[in-house]
Amino acid sequence: MDAIIWENDSLRLLDQTKLPRSIEYIECNDYRTVAEAIKRLSVRGAPAIGAAAAYGLVVGAKQIDAADRKTFLEKLEAIAGELGATRPTAVNLRWALERMMMRVTTALEQDVDELRKIMLEEAHTIYSEDVQSNRKMGEFGQELLPDGARVLTHCNAGALATAGYGTALGVIRAAHEKGKQISVYAGETRPLLQAPG
C-alpha cells in the first residue's frame, strides 16, 4: 500500500485517518485538496508530507491558466505559499516546495508547458530520492541490529510516513531481509492515536 500514488497524470493520497479500519485514497485534482489532506493529517510523516507537497505543486501548476512565464510563476508562488501554510512546522514541506520553486525559477529559457514538465520530473525525483535514502538508511542501520533484537517504534516510522520503505522501520525491514529475527513493539501513532503505522 502506497501513501502517495502518481499515475495517469493524476495524484492519489492514502487517507491515513481511515487506517486501520479501511484503505481509502483521496483523488487530488486540485492543489487545495492536497493542502487539505496535509492540514488534516491524512498525509503524515515529514518525508511523505514533502513528497505530497511537491506533487501538490504539480497539480496546482496544471490548474494555472497563464500563457506567459511571469504570470505563471507568480501564481505558482502563491500556490506554494498556500501549501506551505498547511503545516508550518513541517521541515520537509518547506524544503520540497522551495526545491520545486528553485527548479522552475532557474529554468530561464523554458515556456510554461516545459516548466510543468520540469516540475513533474522534479517531484518524481524528490519521491525516488526519498525511497533511495530510506533504503540506504535501512542498509546501514540494520548492521547495528543484532539477530534477535527487540525494537520499540513510536509514531510514524514506516513506509506510509515516507515516499516508501520507511526510516526507522526501513532499518527493521532491511534487517529482516538479511534474515535477522527482529521483534518489534509498536507504540501509538500520534497525533490521532490510531494503530501503529
N, C-alpha and C. Protein backbone atom coordinates (compact mmCIF):
# COMPACT_ATOMS: atom_id res chain seq x y z
N MET A 1 0.85 -1.17 0.00
CA MET A 1 0.00 0.00 0.00
C MET A 1 0.90 1.23 0.00
N ASP A 2 0.69 2.10 -0.95
CA ASP A 2 1.49 3.32 -1.08
C ASP A 2 0.74 4.51 -0.51
N ALA A 3 1.47 5.40 0.14
CA ALA A 3 0.86 6.61 0.69
C ALA A 3 0.63 7.66 -0.39
N ILE A 4 1.48 7.64 -1.43
CA ILE A 4 1.42 8.64 -2.50
C ILE A 4 1.49 7.91 -3.83
N ILE A 5 0.51 8.14 -4.68
CA ILE A 5 0.50 7.49 -6.00
C ILE A 5 0.30 8.56 -7.07
N TRP A 6 1.24 8.60 -8.01
CA TRP A 6 1.08 9.44 -9.20
C TRP A 6 1.03 8.50 -10.39
N GLU A 7 -0.11 8.45 -11.04
CA GLU A 7 -0.22 7.65 -12.26
C GLU A 7 -1.29 8.25 -13.15
N ASN A 8 -1.10 8.06 -14.44
CA ASN A 8 -2.03 8.62 -15.43
C ASN A 8 -2.24 10.11 -15.23
N ASP A 9 -1.14 10.81 -14.93
CA ASP A 9 -1.16 12.26 -14.77
C ASP A 9 -2.12 12.71 -13.66
N SER A 10 -2.22 11.88 -12.60
CA SER A 10 -3.15 12.16 -11.52
C SER A 10 -2.53 11.76 -10.18
N LEU A 11 -2.89 12.48 -9.13
CA LEU A 11 -2.36 12.23 -7.78
C LEU A 11 -3.44 11.64 -6.89
N ARG A 12 -3.06 10.58 -6.16
CA ARG A 12 -3.92 9.99 -5.14
C ARG A 12 -3.10 9.89 -3.85
N LEU A 13 -3.72 10.28 -2.74
CA LEU A 13 -3.07 10.20 -1.44
C LEU A 13 -3.86 9.27 -0.53
N LEU A 14 -3.16 8.38 0.14
CA LEU A 14 -3.80 7.49 1.10
C LEU A 14 -4.33 8.33 2.26
N ASP A 15 -5.59 8.15 2.60
CA ASP A 15 -6.16 8.87 3.74
C ASP A 15 -5.83 8.09 4.99
N GLN A 16 -4.75 8.50 5.67
CA GLN A 16 -4.28 7.76 6.83
C GLN A 16 -5.18 7.93 8.05
N THR A 17 -6.12 8.87 7.99
CA THR A 17 -7.07 8.99 9.10
C THR A 17 -8.07 7.83 9.09
N LYS A 18 -8.17 7.13 7.99
CA LYS A 18 -9.10 6.00 7.88
C LYS A 18 -8.47 4.68 8.34
N LEU A 19 -7.16 4.66 8.46
CA LEU A 19 -6.46 3.43 8.87
C LEU A 19 -6.69 3.17 10.35
N PRO A 20 -6.72 1.98 10.83
CA PRO A 20 -6.55 0.72 10.09
C PRO A 20 -7.87 0.12 9.62
N ARG A 21 -8.98 0.80 9.84
CA ARG A 21 -10.29 0.23 9.52
C ARG A 21 -10.54 0.08 8.02
N SER A 22 -10.05 1.04 7.23
CA SER A 22 -10.27 0.95 5.78
C SER A 22 -9.13 1.63 5.04
N ILE A 23 -8.99 1.23 3.80
CA ILE A 23 -7.97 1.82 2.91
C ILE A 23 -8.72 2.64 1.87
N GLU A 24 -8.56 3.96 1.99
CA GLU A 24 -9.23 4.87 1.08
C GLU A 24 -8.22 5.89 0.56
N TYR A 25 -8.35 6.23 -0.71
CA TYR A 25 -7.47 7.21 -1.32
C TYR A 25 -8.25 8.49 -1.64
N ILE A 26 -7.56 9.60 -1.51
CA ILE A 26 -8.12 10.91 -1.84
C ILE A 26 -7.66 11.26 -3.25
N GLU A 27 -8.61 11.50 -4.14
CA GLU A 27 -8.29 11.92 -5.50
C GLU A 27 -7.97 13.41 -5.46
N CYS A 28 -6.79 13.78 -5.91
CA CYS A 28 -6.33 15.17 -5.80
C CYS A 28 -6.24 15.81 -7.18
N ASN A 29 -7.36 16.33 -7.66
CA ASN A 29 -7.40 17.01 -8.94
C ASN A 29 -7.24 18.52 -8.78
N ASP A 30 -7.08 18.96 -7.54
CA ASP A 30 -6.96 20.37 -7.21
C ASP A 30 -5.91 20.48 -6.10
N TYR A 31 -5.04 21.48 -6.19
CA TYR A 31 -3.99 21.60 -5.18
C TYR A 31 -4.57 21.85 -3.79
N ARG A 32 -5.75 22.44 -3.73
CA ARG A 32 -6.37 22.70 -2.41
C ARG A 32 -6.77 21.38 -1.72
N THR A 33 -7.07 20.36 -2.50
CA THR A 33 -7.35 19.04 -1.94
C THR A 33 -6.09 18.48 -1.30
N VAL A 34 -4.95 18.68 -1.94
CA VAL A 34 -3.67 18.25 -1.38
C VAL A 34 -3.40 19.02 -0.09
N ALA A 35 -3.60 20.32 -0.14
CA ALA A 35 -3.37 21.16 1.04
C ALA A 35 -4.24 20.71 2.21
N GLU A 36 -5.49 20.43 1.93
CA GLU A 36 -6.40 19.98 2.99
C GLU A 36 -5.98 18.62 3.54
N ALA A 37 -5.52 17.73 2.67
CA ALA A 37 -5.07 16.40 3.12
C ALA A 37 -3.86 16.52 4.05
N ILE A 38 -2.96 17.43 3.74
CA ILE A 38 -1.79 17.65 4.61
C ILE A 38 -2.24 18.28 5.92
N LYS A 39 -3.11 19.26 5.82
CA LYS A 39 -3.55 20.00 7.00
C LYS A 39 -4.31 19.12 7.99
N ARG A 40 -5.17 18.23 7.48
CA ARG A 40 -5.99 17.44 8.38
C ARG A 40 -5.37 16.08 8.71
N LEU A 41 -4.09 15.93 8.40
CA LEU A 41 -3.30 14.76 8.79
C LEU A 41 -3.65 13.49 8.04
N SER A 42 -4.22 13.62 6.86
CA SER A 42 -4.41 12.45 6.01
C SER A 42 -3.06 11.97 5.51
N VAL A 43 -2.14 12.90 5.33
CA VAL A 43 -0.75 12.60 4.98
C VAL A 43 0.07 12.89 6.21
N ARG A 44 0.90 11.91 6.62
CA ARG A 44 1.71 12.08 7.83
C ARG A 44 3.13 11.63 7.59
N GLY A 45 4.01 12.16 8.40
CA GLY A 45 5.42 11.84 8.28
C GLY A 45 6.10 12.87 7.41
N ALA A 46 7.19 13.41 7.89
CA ALA A 46 7.85 14.52 7.20
C ALA A 46 8.18 14.21 5.74
N PRO A 47 8.81 13.07 5.43
CA PRO A 47 9.12 12.80 4.02
C PRO A 47 7.87 12.67 3.14
N ALA A 48 6.82 12.04 3.67
CA ALA A 48 5.58 11.89 2.89
C ALA A 48 4.93 13.25 2.66
N ILE A 49 4.97 14.11 3.66
CA ILE A 49 4.40 15.45 3.52
C ILE A 49 5.16 16.23 2.43
N GLY A 50 6.49 16.13 2.45
CA GLY A 50 7.29 16.82 1.44
C GLY A 50 6.98 16.34 0.02
N ALA A 51 6.92 15.03 -0.16
CA ALA A 51 6.64 14.48 -1.49
C ALA A 51 5.22 14.84 -1.93
N ALA A 52 4.26 14.77 -1.01
CA ALA A 52 2.88 15.13 -1.35
C ALA A 52 2.80 16.60 -1.75
N ALA A 53 3.52 17.47 -1.05
CA ALA A 53 3.52 18.89 -1.39
C ALA A 53 4.13 19.14 -2.76
N ALA A 54 5.20 18.41 -3.08
CA ALA A 54 5.83 18.56 -4.41
C ALA A 54 4.83 18.21 -5.50
N TYR A 55 4.15 17.08 -5.33
CA TYR A 55 3.14 16.70 -6.32
C TYR A 55 1.94 17.66 -6.27
N GLY A 56 1.62 18.18 -5.09
CA GLY A 56 0.54 19.16 -4.98
C GLY A 56 0.84 20.41 -5.80
N LEU A 57 2.11 20.80 -5.81
CA LEU A 57 2.50 21.97 -6.62
C LEU A 57 2.38 21.66 -8.11
N VAL A 58 2.66 20.42 -8.48
CA VAL A 58 2.47 20.00 -9.88
C VAL A 58 0.99 20.09 -10.25
N VAL A 59 0.13 19.59 -9.36
CA VAL A 59 -1.32 19.67 -9.60
C VAL A 59 -1.73 21.14 -9.71
N GLY A 60 -1.21 21.98 -8.85
CA GLY A 60 -1.52 23.41 -8.91
C GLY A 60 -1.06 24.04 -10.21
N ALA A 61 0.12 23.64 -10.68
CA ALA A 61 0.64 24.18 -11.94
C ALA A 61 -0.27 23.84 -13.11
N LYS A 62 -0.87 22.66 -13.06
CA LYS A 62 -1.81 22.26 -14.12
C LYS A 62 -3.06 23.13 -14.10
N GLN A 63 -3.41 23.67 -12.94
CA GLN A 63 -4.61 24.49 -12.79
C GLN A 63 -4.41 25.93 -13.24
N ILE A 64 -3.17 26.36 -13.34
CA ILE A 64 -2.89 27.76 -13.66
C ILE A 64 -3.19 28.04 -15.13
N ASP A 65 -4.03 29.02 -15.36
CA ASP A 65 -4.37 29.44 -16.72
C ASP A 65 -3.55 30.69 -17.04
N ALA A 66 -2.35 30.44 -17.51
CA ALA A 66 -1.46 31.55 -17.87
C ALA A 66 -0.52 31.09 -18.97
N ALA A 67 -0.43 31.87 -20.01
CA ALA A 67 0.46 31.51 -21.12
C ALA A 67 1.85 32.10 -20.93
N ASP A 68 1.93 33.24 -20.22
CA ASP A 68 3.25 33.87 -20.07
C ASP A 68 3.91 33.40 -18.78
N ARG A 69 5.19 33.28 -18.86
CA ARG A 69 6.02 32.74 -17.77
C ARG A 69 5.89 33.54 -16.47
N LYS A 70 5.92 34.87 -16.58
CA LYS A 70 5.89 35.72 -15.39
C LYS A 70 4.61 35.50 -14.58
N THR A 71 3.47 35.52 -15.26
CA THR A 71 2.19 35.31 -14.58
C THR A 71 2.12 33.90 -14.00
N PHE A 72 2.58 32.92 -14.76
CA PHE A 72 2.59 31.53 -14.28
C PHE A 72 3.38 31.41 -12.99
N LEU A 73 4.60 31.97 -12.96
CA LEU A 73 5.45 31.87 -11.77
C LEU A 73 4.85 32.62 -10.57
N GLU A 74 4.21 33.75 -10.83
CA GLU A 74 3.56 34.48 -9.73
C GLU A 74 2.44 33.65 -9.10
N LYS A 75 1.63 33.04 -9.96
CA LYS A 75 0.53 32.22 -9.45
C LYS A 75 1.06 30.96 -8.78
N LEU A 76 2.12 30.41 -9.32
CA LEU A 76 2.74 29.22 -8.73
C LEU A 76 3.29 29.53 -7.34
N GLU A 77 3.90 30.68 -7.19
CA GLU A 77 4.43 31.11 -5.89
C GLU A 77 3.31 31.23 -4.86
N ALA A 78 2.17 31.72 -5.29
CA ALA A 78 1.02 31.84 -4.38
C ALA A 78 0.52 30.45 -3.95
N ILE A 79 0.49 29.52 -4.89
CA ILE A 79 0.07 28.15 -4.56
C ILE A 79 1.06 27.52 -3.60
N ALA A 80 2.35 27.73 -3.84
CA ALA A 80 3.38 27.20 -2.93
C ALA A 80 3.18 27.77 -1.53
N GLY A 81 2.81 29.04 -1.45
CA GLY A 81 2.55 29.66 -0.16
C GLY A 81 1.37 29.02 0.56
N GLU A 82 0.32 28.72 -0.18
CA GLU A 82 -0.85 28.06 0.42
C GLU A 82 -0.50 26.66 0.91
N LEU A 83 0.23 25.91 0.09
CA LEU A 83 0.63 24.57 0.50
C LEU A 83 1.56 24.64 1.72
N GLY A 84 2.47 25.61 1.72
CA GLY A 84 3.42 25.74 2.82
C GLY A 84 2.78 26.13 4.13
N ALA A 85 1.64 26.76 4.08
CA ALA A 85 0.94 27.19 5.30
C ALA A 85 0.16 26.07 5.97
N THR A 86 0.08 24.91 5.33
CA THR A 86 -0.75 23.83 5.87
C THR A 86 -0.17 23.22 7.14
N ARG A 87 1.14 23.11 7.22
CA ARG A 87 1.81 22.55 8.40
C ARG A 87 3.09 23.34 8.61
N PRO A 88 3.01 24.47 9.28
CA PRO A 88 4.15 25.40 9.38
C PRO A 88 5.42 24.80 9.99
N THR A 89 5.29 23.75 10.81
CA THR A 89 6.49 23.18 11.44
C THR A 89 7.09 22.03 10.64
N ALA A 90 6.48 21.65 9.53
CA ALA A 90 6.96 20.51 8.74
C ALA A 90 8.14 20.94 7.86
N VAL A 91 9.33 20.56 8.27
CA VAL A 91 10.55 20.97 7.57
C VAL A 91 10.57 20.46 6.13
N ASN A 92 10.21 19.21 5.92
CA ASN A 92 10.24 18.65 4.57
C ASN A 92 9.23 19.33 3.64
N LEU A 93 8.16 19.83 4.21
CA LEU A 93 7.16 20.56 3.42
C LEU A 93 7.80 21.79 2.81
N ARG A 94 8.41 22.62 3.64
CA ARG A 94 9.06 23.84 3.13
C ARG A 94 10.20 23.51 2.18
N TRP A 95 11.00 22.51 2.57
CA TRP A 95 12.15 22.12 1.75
C TRP A 95 11.71 21.70 0.35
N ALA A 96 10.69 20.85 0.26
CA ALA A 96 10.23 20.36 -1.04
C ALA A 96 9.67 21.49 -1.90
N LEU A 97 8.89 22.37 -1.28
CA LEU A 97 8.31 23.49 -2.04
C LEU A 97 9.40 24.45 -2.51
N GLU A 98 10.36 24.74 -1.65
CA GLU A 98 11.48 25.61 -2.05
C GLU A 98 12.29 24.98 -3.18
N ARG A 99 12.51 23.68 -3.08
CA ARG A 99 13.26 22.97 -4.14
C ARG A 99 12.50 23.02 -5.46
N MET A 100 11.20 22.80 -5.41
CA MET A 100 10.39 22.85 -6.63
C MET A 100 10.42 24.25 -7.24
N MET A 101 10.27 25.28 -6.41
CA MET A 101 10.27 26.65 -6.92
C MET A 101 11.64 27.03 -7.48
N MET A 102 12.70 26.61 -6.80
CA MET A 102 14.05 26.89 -7.30
C MET A 102 14.26 26.25 -8.67
N ARG A 103 13.74 25.04 -8.82
CA ARG A 103 13.92 24.32 -10.09
C ARG A 103 13.24 25.07 -11.25
N VAL A 104 12.03 25.57 -11.04
CA VAL A 104 11.34 26.25 -12.14
C VAL A 104 11.85 27.66 -12.36
N THR A 105 12.22 28.35 -11.30
CA THR A 105 12.70 29.73 -11.49
C THR A 105 14.08 29.79 -12.11
N THR A 106 14.84 28.71 -12.02
CA THR A 106 16.17 28.70 -12.64
C THR A 106 16.16 28.10 -14.04
N ALA A 107 15.00 27.62 -14.49
CA ALA A 107 14.86 27.13 -15.87
C ALA A 107 14.46 28.33 -16.73
N LEU A 108 15.44 29.18 -16.99
CA LEU A 108 15.16 30.52 -17.54
C LEU A 108 14.62 30.54 -18.96
N GLU A 109 14.97 29.59 -19.78
CA GLU A 109 14.58 29.64 -21.19
C GLU A 109 13.33 28.81 -21.50
N GLN A 110 12.69 28.28 -20.48
CA GLN A 110 11.57 27.36 -20.71
C GLN A 110 10.23 28.08 -20.71
N ASP A 111 9.33 27.60 -21.59
CA ASP A 111 7.98 28.16 -21.60
C ASP A 111 7.13 27.46 -20.53
N VAL A 112 5.89 27.87 -20.39
CA VAL A 112 5.02 27.36 -19.33
C VAL A 112 4.81 25.86 -19.44
N ASP A 113 4.56 25.35 -20.63
CA ASP A 113 4.36 23.90 -20.80
C ASP A 113 5.61 23.12 -20.38
N GLU A 114 6.75 23.66 -20.75
CA GLU A 114 8.01 22.99 -20.38
C GLU A 114 8.24 23.06 -18.87
N LEU A 115 7.87 24.18 -18.25
CA LEU A 115 8.01 24.30 -16.80
C LEU A 115 7.15 23.26 -16.08
N ARG A 116 5.97 23.01 -16.59
CA ARG A 116 5.10 21.98 -15.98
C ARG A 116 5.77 20.61 -16.05
N LYS A 117 6.40 20.31 -17.17
CA LYS A 117 7.10 19.03 -17.32
C LYS A 117 8.28 18.94 -16.36
N ILE A 118 9.02 20.03 -16.25
CA ILE A 118 10.18 20.08 -15.34
C ILE A 118 9.72 19.85 -13.91
N MET A 119 8.59 20.45 -13.55
CA MET A 119 8.07 20.28 -12.19
C MET A 119 7.71 18.83 -11.89
N LEU A 120 7.06 18.17 -12.84
CA LEU A 120 6.70 16.78 -12.62
C LEU A 120 7.95 15.92 -12.48
N GLU A 121 8.95 16.18 -13.31
CA GLU A 121 10.22 15.44 -13.20
C GLU A 121 10.85 15.66 -11.82
N GLU A 122 10.81 16.89 -11.33
CA GLU A 122 11.41 17.20 -10.03
C GLU A 122 10.64 16.52 -8.89
N ALA A 123 9.32 16.51 -8.98
CA ALA A 123 8.51 15.82 -7.96
C ALA A 123 8.83 14.32 -7.96
N HIS A 124 8.96 13.73 -9.16
CA HIS A 124 9.34 12.32 -9.24
C HIS A 124 10.72 12.09 -8.62
N THR A 125 11.63 13.04 -8.83
CA THR A 125 12.98 12.93 -8.28
C THR A 125 12.94 13.00 -6.75
N ILE A 126 12.18 13.92 -6.21
CA ILE A 126 12.04 14.03 -4.75
C ILE A 126 11.51 12.72 -4.19
N TYR A 127 10.51 12.17 -4.83
CA TYR A 127 9.91 10.91 -4.40
C TYR A 127 10.94 9.77 -4.43
N SER A 128 11.60 9.62 -5.57
CA SER A 128 12.55 8.49 -5.71
C SER A 128 13.78 8.66 -4.83
N GLU A 129 14.25 9.90 -4.64
CA GLU A 129 15.38 10.12 -3.74
C GLU A 129 15.04 9.73 -2.30
N ASP A 130 13.78 9.98 -1.90
CA ASP A 130 13.38 9.60 -0.55
C ASP A 130 13.39 8.08 -0.40
N VAL A 131 12.84 7.37 -1.37
CA VAL A 131 12.85 5.91 -1.30
C VAL A 131 14.28 5.39 -1.26
N GLN A 132 15.14 5.94 -2.10
CA GLN A 132 16.55 5.50 -2.14
C GLN A 132 17.25 5.79 -0.82
N SER A 133 17.03 6.97 -0.25
CA SER A 133 17.71 7.30 1.01
C SER A 133 17.18 6.43 2.16
N ASN A 134 15.89 6.11 2.14
CA ASN A 134 15.33 5.20 3.14
C ASN A 134 15.98 3.83 3.04
N ARG A 135 16.14 3.33 1.83
CA ARG A 135 16.76 2.01 1.63
C ARG A 135 18.23 2.04 2.10
N LYS A 136 18.92 3.12 1.79
CA LYS A 136 20.31 3.25 2.21
C LYS A 136 20.40 3.33 3.74
N MET A 137 19.50 4.10 4.35
CA MET A 137 19.45 4.19 5.80
C MET A 137 19.19 2.80 6.40
N GLY A 138 18.26 2.08 5.80
CA GLY A 138 17.96 0.73 6.27
C GLY A 138 19.16 -0.19 6.16
N GLU A 139 19.87 -0.07 5.06
CA GLU A 139 21.05 -0.90 4.83
C GLU A 139 22.13 -0.64 5.88
N PHE A 140 22.40 0.63 6.15
CA PHE A 140 23.40 0.96 7.17
C PHE A 140 22.90 0.63 8.57
N GLY A 141 21.65 0.98 8.85
CA GLY A 141 21.11 0.80 10.19
C GLY A 141 20.97 -0.65 10.60
N GLN A 142 20.65 -1.52 9.67
CA GLN A 142 20.44 -2.91 10.02
C GLN A 142 21.71 -3.55 10.56
N GLU A 143 22.86 -3.00 10.19
CA GLU A 143 24.13 -3.53 10.70
C GLU A 143 24.25 -3.34 12.21
N LEU A 144 23.51 -2.37 12.74
CA LEU A 144 23.55 -2.09 14.18
C LEU A 144 22.59 -2.98 14.97
N LEU A 145 21.68 -3.65 14.27
CA LEU A 145 20.71 -4.51 14.95
C LEU A 145 21.20 -5.95 14.97
N PRO A 146 21.45 -6.49 16.13
CA PRO A 146 21.86 -7.89 16.19
C PRO A 146 20.67 -8.81 15.93
N ASP A 147 20.94 -10.01 15.50
CA ASP A 147 19.88 -11.00 15.34
C ASP A 147 19.21 -11.19 16.70
N GLY A 148 17.89 -11.21 16.72
CA GLY A 148 17.16 -11.37 17.96
C GLY A 148 16.86 -10.07 18.68
N ALA A 149 17.20 -8.93 18.07
CA ALA A 149 16.97 -7.63 18.71
C ALA A 149 15.49 -7.37 18.92
N ARG A 150 15.20 -6.59 19.94
CA ARG A 150 13.83 -6.12 20.21
C ARG A 150 13.84 -4.61 20.04
N VAL A 151 12.92 -4.12 19.23
CA VAL A 151 12.90 -2.71 18.87
C VAL A 151 11.54 -2.12 19.20
N LEU A 152 11.54 -0.95 19.83
CA LEU A 152 10.31 -0.22 20.11
C LEU A 152 10.20 0.93 19.11
N THR A 153 9.09 1.00 18.39
CA THR A 153 8.85 2.14 17.49
C THR A 153 7.81 3.04 18.13
N HIS A 154 7.86 4.30 17.76
CA HIS A 154 6.92 5.27 18.31
C HIS A 154 6.57 6.25 17.20
N CYS A 155 5.31 6.47 17.00
CA CYS A 155 4.81 7.37 15.97
C CYS A 155 5.07 6.78 14.58
N ASN A 156 4.84 7.56 13.55
CA ASN A 156 5.00 7.07 12.18
C ASN A 156 6.48 6.92 11.84
N ALA A 157 6.87 5.72 11.50
CA ALA A 157 8.26 5.47 11.14
C ALA A 157 8.37 4.55 9.94
N GLY A 158 7.25 4.19 9.35
CA GLY A 158 7.23 3.22 8.27
C GLY A 158 7.09 3.84 6.90
N ALA A 159 6.79 2.98 5.94
CA ALA A 159 6.69 3.40 4.55
C ALA A 159 5.60 4.44 4.34
N LEU A 160 4.55 4.42 5.15
CA LEU A 160 3.46 5.38 4.98
C LEU A 160 3.85 6.79 5.41
N ALA A 161 4.91 6.90 6.20
CA ALA A 161 5.38 8.21 6.65
C ALA A 161 6.42 8.79 5.71
N THR A 162 6.75 8.03 4.67
CA THR A 162 7.78 8.43 3.72
C THR A 162 7.24 8.23 2.30
N ALA A 163 8.08 8.43 1.32
CA ALA A 163 7.68 8.11 -0.05
C ALA A 163 7.62 6.60 -0.24
N GLY A 164 8.28 5.88 0.63
CA GLY A 164 8.26 4.42 0.57
C GLY A 164 9.40 3.82 1.37
N TYR A 165 9.24 2.62 1.81
CA TYR A 165 10.19 1.79 2.54
C TYR A 165 10.26 2.12 4.02
N GLY A 166 10.43 3.36 4.40
CA GLY A 166 10.43 3.75 5.81
C GLY A 166 11.79 4.13 6.33
N THR A 167 11.77 4.86 7.42
CA THR A 167 13.01 5.31 8.06
C THR A 167 13.39 4.30 9.14
N ALA A 168 12.89 4.47 10.35
CA ALA A 168 13.21 3.51 11.42
C ALA A 168 12.72 2.11 11.06
N LEU A 169 11.52 2.00 10.51
CA LEU A 169 11.05 0.68 10.10
C LEU A 169 11.80 0.18 8.87
N GLY A 170 12.39 1.08 8.11
CA GLY A 170 13.25 0.67 7.00
C GLY A 170 14.46 -0.11 7.50
N VAL A 171 14.98 0.31 8.65
CA VAL A 171 16.10 -0.42 9.28
C VAL A 171 15.65 -1.83 9.66
N ILE A 172 14.46 -1.92 10.23
CA ILE A 172 13.93 -3.22 10.64
C ILE A 172 13.65 -4.08 9.41
N ARG A 173 13.09 -3.49 8.37
CA ARG A 173 12.83 -4.23 7.13
C ARG A 173 14.13 -4.76 6.53
N ALA A 174 15.14 -3.91 6.51
CA ALA A 174 16.43 -4.33 5.95
C ALA A 174 17.03 -5.47 6.77
N ALA A 175 16.89 -5.40 8.09
CA ALA A 175 17.39 -6.48 8.95
C ALA A 175 16.64 -7.77 8.65
N HIS A 176 15.34 -7.67 8.49
CA HIS A 176 14.53 -8.85 8.16
C HIS A 176 14.95 -9.43 6.81
N GLU A 177 15.21 -8.55 5.84
CA GLU A 177 15.66 -9.01 4.52
C GLU A 177 16.99 -9.74 4.59
N LYS A 178 17.80 -9.41 5.60
CA LYS A 178 19.09 -10.09 5.81
C LYS A 178 18.92 -11.39 6.60
N GLY A 179 17.67 -11.71 6.97
CA GLY A 179 17.41 -12.95 7.68
C GLY A 179 17.45 -12.84 9.19
N LYS A 180 17.58 -11.63 9.70
CA LYS A 180 17.61 -11.45 11.15
C LYS A 180 16.20 -11.58 11.73
N GLN A 181 16.12 -12.19 12.89
CA GLN A 181 14.85 -12.31 13.60
C GLN A 181 14.73 -11.12 14.55
N ILE A 182 13.85 -10.19 14.20
CA ILE A 182 13.69 -8.96 14.97
C ILE A 182 12.27 -8.92 15.54
N SER A 183 12.15 -8.60 16.82
CA SER A 183 10.84 -8.38 17.43
C SER A 183 10.59 -6.88 17.48
N VAL A 184 9.38 -6.49 17.10
CA VAL A 184 9.04 -5.07 17.06
C VAL A 184 7.85 -4.81 17.97
N TYR A 185 8.00 -3.84 18.84
CA TYR A 185 6.92 -3.39 19.70
C TYR A 185 6.49 -2.02 19.19
N ALA A 186 5.27 -1.95 18.68
CA ALA A 186 4.80 -0.71 18.08
C ALA A 186 3.91 0.04 19.06
N GLY A 187 4.34 1.24 19.42
CA GLY A 187 3.55 2.09 20.31
C GLY A 187 2.47 2.81 19.53
N GLU A 188 1.84 3.78 20.15
CA GLU A 188 0.77 4.52 19.47
C GLU A 188 1.32 5.38 18.34
N THR A 189 0.43 5.69 17.41
CA THR A 189 0.79 6.57 16.31
C THR A 189 0.14 7.92 16.56
N ARG A 190 0.96 8.89 16.94
CA ARG A 190 0.43 10.23 17.15
C ARG A 190 0.16 10.89 15.81
N PRO A 191 -0.65 11.88 15.70
CA PRO A 191 -1.34 12.54 16.80
C PRO A 191 -2.77 12.06 16.99
N LEU A 192 -3.23 11.12 16.17
CA LEU A 192 -4.63 10.70 16.26
C LEU A 192 -4.82 9.39 16.99
N LEU A 193 -3.75 8.86 17.60
CA LEU A 193 -3.80 7.65 18.43
C LEU A 193 -4.44 6.46 17.71
N GLN A 194 -4.07 6.32 16.43
CA GLN A 194 -4.55 5.18 15.68
C GLN A 194 -3.58 4.02 15.86
N ALA A 195 -3.87 2.92 15.17
CA ALA A 195 -2.96 1.79 15.22
C ALA A 195 -1.62 2.21 14.65
N PRO A 196 -0.54 1.57 15.08
CA PRO A 196 0.79 1.94 14.61
C PRO A 196 0.90 1.90 13.09
N GLY A 197 1.73 2.81 12.53
CA GLY A 197 1.92 2.93 11.09
C GLY A 197 3.08 2.25 10.63
